[in-house]
Amino acid sequence: MLEFAQPDLWPLTLDRVSLARGGRALLDAVSLTLTPGGVTALIGPNGAGKSLTLRLIAGLIAPDAGSVRWGARAAPAKGAVALVFQRPVLLRRSVAANLDHALSVAGVARRMRPARRAALLALGGLETLADRPARALSGGEAQRLALARALAAQPRLLLLDEPAASLDPAATAAIEALIARVAAQGTTVLLVSHDVGQARRLAGRVVFLHAGRVVEDAPADRALNHPQSPEARAYLAGRLLF
């Protein structure tokens, strides 16, 4: 079993974060606080700002206004945050070599890598695929490898951008099982998803974004079954408000 690093930079706070491009507000005074543990689902229509929020947290882009803070710090420790994109880029090497590379980048001592690689393979259900070229994997297998690779540095927070998009039901179930295992072992997960059923199965908390604003933030049961905002009610009913 992997031993995930204990969180020491919480809470993660987005304080009135705004971002605009071409004169259009993409994020509008977004405030959000994450504490360690569990799965939070970030849902909403296309263009709501979900993926941008992940990129801001990961430090890939900076806000025009507002702040992102980890406890008293402006940035997390190295390796504290991992982001898995919807279409991850894998090295043109074997599954095992992809994990070895990630462990090296994470600063894991060479003598420790075989055991850590084995733990990551087991976590992702990839043991029988260790020698297979990454380019020969199915979509679901590649996404499980991307998730396992992201865990090489034992992040405190795992950011997932639609990790099961375009996957069949069996592959989706495998991804969801992996996310549940990761969360159970102590890594906090922030999950972007368009799949309300997935949010029901995985999340303890749901945050709705609409037009770059947080319109609902509540425990999953309340947010999905008794939403308070008209935007969230419309989204869950299959209608869009502009």
Protein backbone atom coordinates (compact mmCIF):
# COMPACT_ATOMS: atom_id res chain seq x y z
CA MET A 1 0.00 0.00 0.00
CA LEU A 2 1.17 3.52 -0.75
CA GLU A 3 1.73 5.85 2.16
CA PHE A 4 0.41 9.21 1.12
CA ALA A 5 1.94 12.36 2.55
CA GLN A 6 -0.02 13.94 5.36
CA PRO A 7 -1.46 17.36 4.50
CA ASP A 8 0.23 20.29 6.20
CA LEU A 9 -0.65 23.27 4.00
CA TRP A 10 -4.40 23.41 4.48
CA PRO A 11 -6.82 24.97 4.01
CA LEU A 12 -6.53 25.70 0.30
CA THR A 13 -8.36 28.98 -0.26
CA LEU A 14 -9.45 30.69 -3.45
CA ASP A 15 -10.43 34.21 -2.41
CA ARG A 16 -12.50 36.13 -4.98
CA VAL A 17 -10.45 34.84 -7.88
CA SER A 18 -11.18 36.46 -11.24
CA LEU A 19 -9.81 35.88 -14.71
CA ALA A 20 -10.70 37.55 -17.99
CA ARG A 21 -9.63 37.08 -21.59
CA GLY A 22 -10.52 39.34 -24.51
CA GLY A 23 -12.70 41.47 -22.29
CA ARG A 24 -14.82 38.50 -21.17
CA ALA A 25 -14.92 37.31 -17.56
CA LEU A 26 -14.05 33.61 -17.43
CA LEU A 27 -13.96 33.45 -13.63
CA ASP A 28 -15.87 36.03 -11.63
CA ALA A 29 -14.91 36.43 -7.95
CA VAL A 30 -14.73 32.67 -7.31
CA SER A 31 -14.28 31.82 -3.63
CA LEU A 32 -13.70 28.25 -2.55
CA THR A 33 -12.10 26.56 0.44
CA LEU A 34 -10.82 22.98 0.47
CA THR A 35 -9.83 21.09 3.61
CA PRO A 36 -8.08 17.72 3.57
CA GLY A 37 -9.95 14.54 2.84
CA GLY A 38 -12.63 13.20 0.53
CA VAL A 39 -13.77 13.97 -3.00
CA THR A 40 -15.24 17.28 -4.12
CA ALA A 41 -16.96 17.37 -7.52
CA LEU A 42 -16.82 20.57 -9.55
CA ILE A 43 -19.67 20.49 -12.04
CA GLY A 44 -21.50 22.82 -14.39
CA PRO A 45 -22.04 23.48 -18.10
CA ASN A 46 -19.32 23.88 -20.71
CA GLY A 47 -17.55 27.19 -20.33
CA ALA A 48 -18.44 27.54 -16.66
CA GLY A 49 -14.76 27.79 -15.66
CA LYS A 50 -14.22 24.35 -14.14
CA SER A 51 -10.99 23.45 -15.93
CA LEU A 52 -9.67 26.98 -15.45
CA THR A 53 -10.20 26.60 -11.72
CA LEU A 54 -8.09 23.45 -11.72
CA ARG A 55 -5.32 25.18 -13.64
CA LEU A 56 -5.33 28.11 -11.24
CA ILE A 57 -5.01 25.76 -8.27
CA ALA A 58 -2.22 23.87 -10.01
CA GLY A 59 -0.36 27.14 -10.60
CA LEU A 60 -0.43 26.84 -14.41
CA ILE A 61 -2.11 30.24 -14.75
CA ALA A 62 -2.38 33.23 -12.43
CA PRO A 63 -5.60 35.12 -11.64
CA ASP A 64 -6.14 38.71 -12.67
CA ALA A 65 -7.54 39.44 -9.23
CA GLY A 66 -7.96 37.60 -5.96
CA SER A 67 -5.62 35.02 -4.49
CA VAL A 68 -4.93 31.31 -4.18
CA ARG A 69 -3.35 30.37 -0.86
CA TRP A 70 -2.27 27.23 0.94
CA GLY A 71 -2.66 27.98 4.62
CA ALA A 72 -0.35 30.93 5.15
CA ARG A 73 1.57 30.27 1.94
CA ALA A 74 1.08 31.52 -1.59
CA ALA A 75 2.16 28.22 -3.12
CA PRO A 76 2.15 24.56 -2.09
CA ALA A 77 5.29 22.53 -1.49
CA LYS A 78 6.79 20.81 -4.52
CA GLY A 79 4.77 17.74 -5.42
CA ALA A 80 1.84 18.66 -3.20
CA VAL A 81 -0.54 19.05 -6.15
CA ALA A 82 -0.99 16.76 -9.15
CA LEU A 83 -3.19 17.51 -12.16
CA VAL A 84 -4.41 14.86 -14.59
CA PHE A 85 -5.80 16.24 -17.83
CA GLN A 86 -8.72 14.81 -19.74
CA ARG A 87 -6.32 13.65 -22.46
CA PRO A 88 -3.03 12.94 -20.69
CA VAL A 89 0.24 12.82 -22.59
CA LEU A 90 2.21 9.63 -21.89
CA LEU A 91 5.84 8.94 -22.67
CA ARG A 92 6.53 6.65 -25.62
CA ARG A 93 7.82 4.02 -23.22
CA SER A 94 6.40 1.09 -21.30
CA VAL A 95 3.91 1.46 -18.47
CA ALA A 96 6.66 0.68 -15.94
CA ALA A 97 9.04 3.17 -17.56
CA ASN A 98 6.40 5.91 -17.36
CA LEU A 99 6.13 5.28 -13.63
CA ASP A 100 9.92 5.11 -13.20
CA HIS A 101 10.24 8.49 -14.89
CA ALA A 102 7.59 10.01 -12.63
CA LEU A 103 9.29 8.59 -9.54
CA SER A 104 12.62 10.03 -10.68
CA VAL A 105 11.11 13.47 -11.24
CA ALA A 106 9.50 13.22 -7.80
CA GLY A 107 12.95 12.72 -6.29
CA VAL A 108 12.41 9.15 -5.10
CA ALA A 109 15.75 7.44 -4.42
CA ARG A 110 16.70 4.87 -7.04
CA ARG A 111 16.77 2.03 -4.51
CA MET A 112 13.19 2.85 -3.47
CA ARG A 113 11.73 2.99 -6.97
CA PRO A 114 11.05 -0.73 -7.60
CA ALA A 115 8.85 -1.00 -4.49
CA ARG A 116 7.09 2.29 -5.20
CA ARG A 117 6.58 1.31 -8.84
CA ALA A 118 5.05 -2.00 -7.76
CA ALA A 119 2.71 -0.16 -5.38
CA LEU A 120 1.60 2.21 -8.13
CA LEU A 121 1.05 -0.65 -10.58
CA ALA A 122 -1.09 -2.43 -8.01
CA LEU A 123 -3.05 0.71 -7.17
CA GLY A 124 -3.88 1.27 -10.83
CA GLY A 125 -4.57 -2.40 -11.59
CA LEU A 126 -1.73 -2.29 -14.11
CA GLU A 127 0.46 -5.18 -12.93
CA THR A 128 -0.09 -7.30 -16.05
CA LEU A 129 0.54 -4.27 -18.30
CA ALA A 130 3.89 -3.20 -16.84
CA ASP A 131 5.88 -4.06 -19.97
CA ARG A 132 3.31 -2.88 -22.50
CA PRO A 133 4.08 0.28 -24.47
CA ALA A 134 1.93 3.14 -23.25
CA ARG A 135 0.88 3.91 -26.83
CA ALA A 136 -0.69 0.43 -27.05
CA LEU A 137 -2.99 0.94 -24.08
CA SER A 138 -6.73 1.38 -24.35
CA GLY A 139 -8.24 4.70 -23.33
CA GLY A 140 -9.19 3.43 -19.89
CA GLU A 141 -5.80 1.80 -19.32
CA ALA A 142 -4.00 4.99 -20.37
CA GLN A 143 -6.07 7.05 -17.96
CA ARG A 144 -5.34 4.66 -15.10
CA LEU A 145 -1.64 4.95 -15.92
CA ALA A 146 -1.93 8.75 -15.93
CA LEU A 147 -3.56 8.61 -12.50
CA ALA A 148 -0.94 6.22 -11.12
CA ARG A 149 1.85 8.38 -12.55
CA ALA A 150 0.35 11.50 -10.94
CA LEU A 151 0.53 9.77 -7.56
CA ALA A 152 4.28 9.14 -7.80
CA ALA A 153 5.03 12.26 -5.75
CA GLN A 154 2.40 11.35 -3.15
CA PRO A 155 0.42 14.58 -3.68
CA ARG A 156 -1.78 16.06 -1.00
CA LEU A 157 -4.31 17.16 -3.63
CA LEU A 158 -5.20 15.34 -6.86
CA LEU A 159 -6.91 17.46 -9.51
CA LEU A 160 -8.83 15.47 -12.12
CA ASP A 161 -10.25 17.04 -15.28
CA GLU A 162 -13.00 14.71 -16.53
CA PRO A 163 -10.93 11.55 -16.04
CA ALA A 164 -13.60 9.23 -17.46
CA ALA A 165 -14.68 11.33 -20.45
CA SER A 166 -15.40 9.22 -23.57
CA LEU A 167 -14.73 5.94 -21.75
CA ASP A 168 -17.06 2.95 -21.85
CA PRO A 169 -18.95 1.90 -18.69
CA ALA A 170 -16.40 -0.77 -17.68
CA ALA A 171 -13.46 1.61 -18.05
CA THR A 172 -15.36 4.33 -16.22
CA ALA A 173 -16.06 1.96 -13.34
CA ALA A 174 -12.36 1.11 -13.12
CA ILE A 175 -11.40 4.80 -13.02
CA GLU A 176 -14.01 5.51 -10.35
CA ALA A 177 -12.79 2.58 -8.26
CA LEU A 178 -9.24 3.93 -8.49
CA ILE A 179 -10.35 7.42 -7.44
CA ALA A 180 -12.23 5.95 -4.47
CA ARG A 181 -9.14 3.98 -3.41
CA VAL A 182 -6.93 7.05 -3.65
CA ALA A 183 -9.35 9.12 -1.57
CA ALA A 184 -9.66 6.33 1.01
CA GLN A 185 -5.87 6.32 1.39
CA GLY A 186 -5.82 10.00 2.31
CA THR A 187 -5.39 12.07 -0.86
CA THR A 188 -7.87 14.90 -1.29
CA VAL A 189 -9.52 14.84 -4.73
CA LEU A 190 -11.05 17.71 -6.70
CA LEU A 191 -12.90 16.21 -9.65
CA VAL A 192 -14.28 18.04 -12.67
CA SER A 193 -17.10 16.04 -14.22
CA HIS A 194 -20.16 16.46 -16.43
CA ASP A 195 -21.49 13.13 -15.15
CA VAL A 196 -23.98 13.77 -12.34
CA GLY A 197 -24.10 10.04 -11.62
CA GLN A 198 -20.35 10.04 -11.13
CA ALA A 199 -20.64 12.93 -8.70
CA ARG A 200 -23.28 11.00 -6.77
CA ARG A 201 -21.08 7.90 -6.60
CA LEU A 202 -17.82 9.59 -5.63
CA ALA A 203 -18.29 13.00 -4.08
CA GLY A 204 -19.07 14.08 -0.57
CA ARG A 205 -19.33 17.69 -1.67
CA VAL A 206 -20.49 19.35 -4.90
CA VAL A 207 -19.61 22.81 -6.18
CA PHE A 208 -21.62 24.16 -9.14
CA LEU A 209 -20.01 26.70 -11.43
CA HIS A 210 -22.04 28.74 -13.88
CA ALA A 211 -20.69 31.55 -16.08
CA GLY A 212 -17.53 31.69 -14.00
CA ARG A 213 -19.31 32.00 -10.65
CA VAL A 214 -19.93 29.57 -7.80
CA VAL A 215 -23.72 29.27 -7.60
CA GLU A 216 -23.98 26.25 -5.28
CA ASP A 217 -21.61 24.69 -2.76
CA ALA A 218 -23.06 22.02 -0.49
CA PRO A 219 -22.84 18.40 0.61
CA ALA A 220 -23.45 16.17 -2.40
CA ASP A 221 -26.85 14.88 -1.30
CA ARG A 222 -28.25 18.37 -0.80
CA ALA A 223 -26.61 19.90 -3.87
CA LEU A 224 -27.80 17.13 -6.20
CA ASN A 225 -31.23 16.44 -4.71
CA HIS A 226 -32.27 19.83 -3.34
CA PRO A 227 -30.28 22.52 -5.16
CA GLN A 228 -31.01 26.06 -4.03
CA SER A 229 -29.86 28.06 -7.06
CA PRO A 230 -31.90 28.31 -10.29
CA GLU A 231 -28.72 27.62 -12.29
CA ALA A 232 -28.04 24.32 -10.50
CA ARG A 233 -31.70 23.29 -10.76
CA ALA A 234 -31.67 24.00 -14.49
CA TYR A 235 -28.42 22.09 -15.02
CA LEU A 236 -29.69 19.02 -13.18
CA ALA A 237 -32.93 19.17 -15.16
CA GLY A 238 -31.00 19.22 -18.44
CA ARG A 239 -31.70 22.87 -19.15
CA LEU A 240 -29.17 25.66 -19.63
CA LEU A 241 -29.43 29.18 -18.31
CA PHE A 242 -27.36 31.91 -19.93
